[in-house]
């Protein structure tokens, strides 16, 4: 896959996410893919990824838009910055608009996404929704747990300052 093909994949990927059609969205992924969502957590396999997009995200969000910018791709791994926006359908926050930016990392295998991770400042979204501080604290603690439990984080914290992870070549 070339950089231009990766950019086209991202465009199709985000248009599929906007559509709310979970199966259409999941077709961008390998059968064994994992999607790490900053709100809904990890989802593994096409069926679970389709469920997350259609039955969780679009249950909670209307008027969804998502656009990727400045994609870079090395043949296996790609990154892009994004803007996304939606209107909340969650009863407590119904009708409140949200706009956020984020960074996404894609591992691509045979032209499909094998792993997706995102980094988004969810606190910005929660502030726009008017989430109560105590609830925000609970969510931030859950996100902290996810971060600290990741094998990469455990490895990173175990190494002394100044050392670097060994990269496979």
Protein backbone atom coordinates (compact mmCIF):
# COMPACT_ATOMS: atom_id res chain seq x y z
CA UNK A 1 0.00 0.00 0.00
CA UNK A 2 1.31 3.43 -0.92
CA UNK A 3 0.83 6.68 0.99
CA UNK A 4 -1.86 7.75 -1.49
CA UNK A 5 -3.67 4.44 -1.04
CA UNK A 6 -3.47 4.88 2.73
CA UNK A 7 -5.00 8.36 2.40
CA UNK A 8 -7.86 6.86 0.34
CA UNK A 9 -8.32 4.13 2.97
CA UNK A 10 -8.65 6.82 5.66
CA UNK A 11 -11.22 8.73 3.62
CA UNK A 12 -13.30 5.59 3.05
CA UNK A 13 -12.82 4.57 6.71
CA UNK A 14 -14.14 7.88 8.06
CA UNK A 15 -17.02 8.05 5.56
CA UNK A 16 -18.01 4.55 6.69
CA UNK A 17 -17.85 5.63 10.33
CA UNK A 18 -20.05 8.63 9.55
CA UNK A 19 -22.61 6.39 7.80
CA UNK A 20 -23.46 4.47 10.95
CA UNK A 21 -23.39 1.19 8.99
CA UNK A 22 -21.35 -1.07 11.26
CA UNK A 23 -20.76 -3.78 8.66
CA UNK A 24 -19.55 -1.24 6.10
CA UNK A 25 -17.18 0.19 8.71
CA UNK A 26 -15.92 -3.25 9.80
CA UNK A 27 -15.02 -4.24 6.22
CA UNK A 28 -11.98 -1.93 6.53
CA UNK A 29 -10.53 -4.30 9.14
CA UNK A 30 -8.91 -7.72 9.07
CA UNK A 31 -10.94 -10.57 10.57
CA UNK A 32 -8.76 -10.51 13.72
CA UNK A 33 -8.39 -6.74 13.99
CA UNK A 34 -8.55 -4.83 17.24
CA UNK A 35 -9.99 -1.34 17.57
CA UNK A 36 -9.00 0.56 20.70
CA UNK A 37 -11.66 3.22 21.25
CA UNK A 38 -11.02 5.87 23.89
CA UNK A 39 -14.64 5.76 25.11
CA UNK A 40 -15.86 2.22 24.44
CA UNK A 41 -12.56 0.40 24.99
CA UNK A 42 -11.06 -2.37 22.87
CA UNK A 43 -13.11 -4.31 20.33
CA UNK A 44 -11.76 -7.38 18.58
CA UNK A 45 -12.89 -8.81 15.25
CA UNK A 46 -15.17 -7.41 12.60
CA UNK A 47 -18.43 -8.29 14.35
CA UNK A 48 -17.40 -6.59 17.59
CA UNK A 49 -16.04 -3.54 15.72
CA UNK A 50 -19.30 -3.28 13.72
CA UNK A 51 -21.28 -3.50 16.98
CA UNK A 52 -19.17 -0.76 18.61
CA UNK A 53 -19.69 1.65 15.70
CA UNK A 54 -23.34 0.96 14.96
CA UNK A 55 -24.86 -0.05 18.28
CA UNK A 56 -22.77 1.96 20.74
CA UNK A 57 -21.31 5.02 19.05
CA UNK A 58 -24.24 5.84 16.74
CA UNK A 59 -26.64 5.04 19.58
CA UNK A 60 -25.01 7.89 21.50
CA UNK A 61 -24.11 10.36 18.69
CA UNK A 62 -25.94 12.08 15.83
CA UNK A 63 -24.67 14.31 13.03
CA UNK A 64 -21.32 12.53 13.16
CA UNK A 65 -18.41 13.90 11.10
CA UNK A 66 -14.84 12.62 11.04
CA UNK A 67 -12.00 13.76 8.84
CA UNK A 68 -8.34 12.73 8.81
CA UNK A 69 -5.51 15.13 7.93
CA UNK A 70 -1.77 14.89 7.22
CA UNK A 71 -1.58 11.09 6.90
CA UNK A 72 1.84 9.44 6.97
CA UNK A 73 2.45 5.80 6.10
CA UNK A 74 5.55 3.61 6.00
CA UNK A 75 4.04 0.57 4.30
CA UNK A 76 2.83 -1.07 7.51
CA UNK A 77 2.06 1.65 10.04
CA UNK A 78 0.27 4.94 9.50
CA UNK A 79 -0.71 7.98 11.49
CA UNK A 80 -3.13 10.85 10.95
CA UNK A 81 -4.49 13.81 12.86
CA UNK A 82 -8.27 14.17 12.85
CA UNK A 83 -11.18 16.37 13.69
CA UNK A 84 -14.54 14.90 14.58
CA UNK A 85 -17.83 16.28 15.74
CA UNK A 86 -21.21 14.99 16.81
CA UNK A 87 -24.37 15.93 18.66
CA UNK A 88 -25.05 13.90 21.78
CA UNK A 89 -28.08 11.60 21.86
CA UNK A 90 -27.41 10.54 25.45
CA UNK A 91 -30.50 11.70 27.37
CA UNK A 92 -28.54 13.65 30.01
CA UNK A 93 -26.60 15.54 27.28
CA UNK A 94 -29.10 15.38 24.40
CA UNK A 95 -28.57 18.00 21.74
CA UNK A 96 -25.17 19.21 22.94
CA UNK A 97 -22.61 19.56 20.16
CA UNK A 98 -19.03 18.33 20.58
CA UNK A 99 -15.90 18.82 18.49
CA UNK A 100 -12.60 17.08 19.27
CA UNK A 101 -9.26 16.43 17.67
CA UNK A 102 -7.13 13.35 17.94
CA UNK A 103 -4.27 11.28 16.64
CA UNK A 104 -4.79 7.83 15.17
CA UNK A 105 -2.36 4.98 14.61
CA UNK A 106 -3.10 2.26 12.09
CA UNK A 107 -1.35 -1.06 11.59
CA UNK A 108 -2.21 -2.19 8.06
CA UNK A 109 -1.98 -5.74 6.74
CA UNK A 110 -2.91 -6.74 3.19
CA UNK A 111 -4.69 -3.43 2.59
CA UNK A 112 -6.86 -3.65 5.71
CA UNK A 113 -6.56 -2.28 9.22
CA UNK A 114 -5.23 -4.89 11.65
CA UNK A 115 -5.00 -2.55 14.66
CA UNK A 116 -6.38 0.90 15.38
CA UNK A 117 -5.48 3.10 18.34
CA UNK A 118 -6.48 6.67 19.02
CA UNK A 119 -5.41 9.37 21.39
CA UNK A 120 -8.09 11.95 22.08
CA UNK A 121 -8.46 14.43 24.91
CA UNK A 122 -11.81 13.14 26.08
CA UNK A 123 -11.87 15.75 28.82
CA UNK A 124 -12.47 18.37 26.13
CA UNK A 125 -15.52 16.40 24.94
CA UNK A 126 -16.83 15.96 28.47
CA UNK A 127 -16.45 19.67 29.21
CA UNK A 128 -18.52 20.49 26.12
CA UNK A 129 -21.20 18.05 27.27
CA UNK A 130 -21.23 19.44 30.80
CA UNK A 131 -20.25 16.17 32.49
CA UNK A 132 -20.13 16.51 36.27
CA UNK A 133 -16.60 16.58 37.76
CA UNK A 134 -17.14 13.43 39.87
CA UNK A 135 -18.18 11.48 36.78
CA UNK A 136 -15.21 12.85 34.84
CA UNK A 137 -12.91 11.65 37.62
CA UNK A 138 -14.33 8.11 37.35
CA UNK A 139 -13.81 8.09 33.59
CA UNK A 140 -10.27 9.47 33.86
CA UNK A 141 -9.43 6.75 36.40
CA UNK A 142 -10.75 4.08 34.01
CA UNK A 143 -8.62 5.53 31.18
CA UNK A 144 -5.61 5.60 33.51
CA UNK A 145 -6.17 1.93 34.24
CA UNK A 146 -6.31 1.10 30.52
CA UNK A 147 -3.07 3.00 29.96
CA UNK A 148 -1.21 1.45 32.86
CA UNK A 149 -2.37 -2.09 31.99
CA UNK A 150 -1.09 -1.96 28.41
CA UNK A 151 1.96 -4.22 27.84
CA UNK A 152 3.80 -1.31 26.20
CA UNK A 153 3.29 0.87 29.27
CA UNK A 154 4.33 -1.89 31.66
CA UNK A 155 7.52 -2.41 29.63
CA UNK A 156 8.17 1.33 29.45
CA UNK A 157 7.78 1.84 33.21
CA UNK A 158 10.03 -1.16 33.97
CA UNK A 159 12.97 0.29 32.04
CA UNK A 160 15.33 2.77 33.71
CA UNK A 161 15.38 6.43 32.68
CA UNK A 162 17.50 6.96 29.59
CA UNK A 163 16.96 3.47 28.22
CA UNK A 164 14.96 2.80 25.09
CA UNK A 165 12.80 -0.11 23.94
CA UNK A 166 14.49 -2.51 21.59
CA UNK A 167 12.88 -2.28 18.17
CA UNK A 168 12.52 -5.29 15.95
CA UNK A 169 13.86 -4.70 12.46
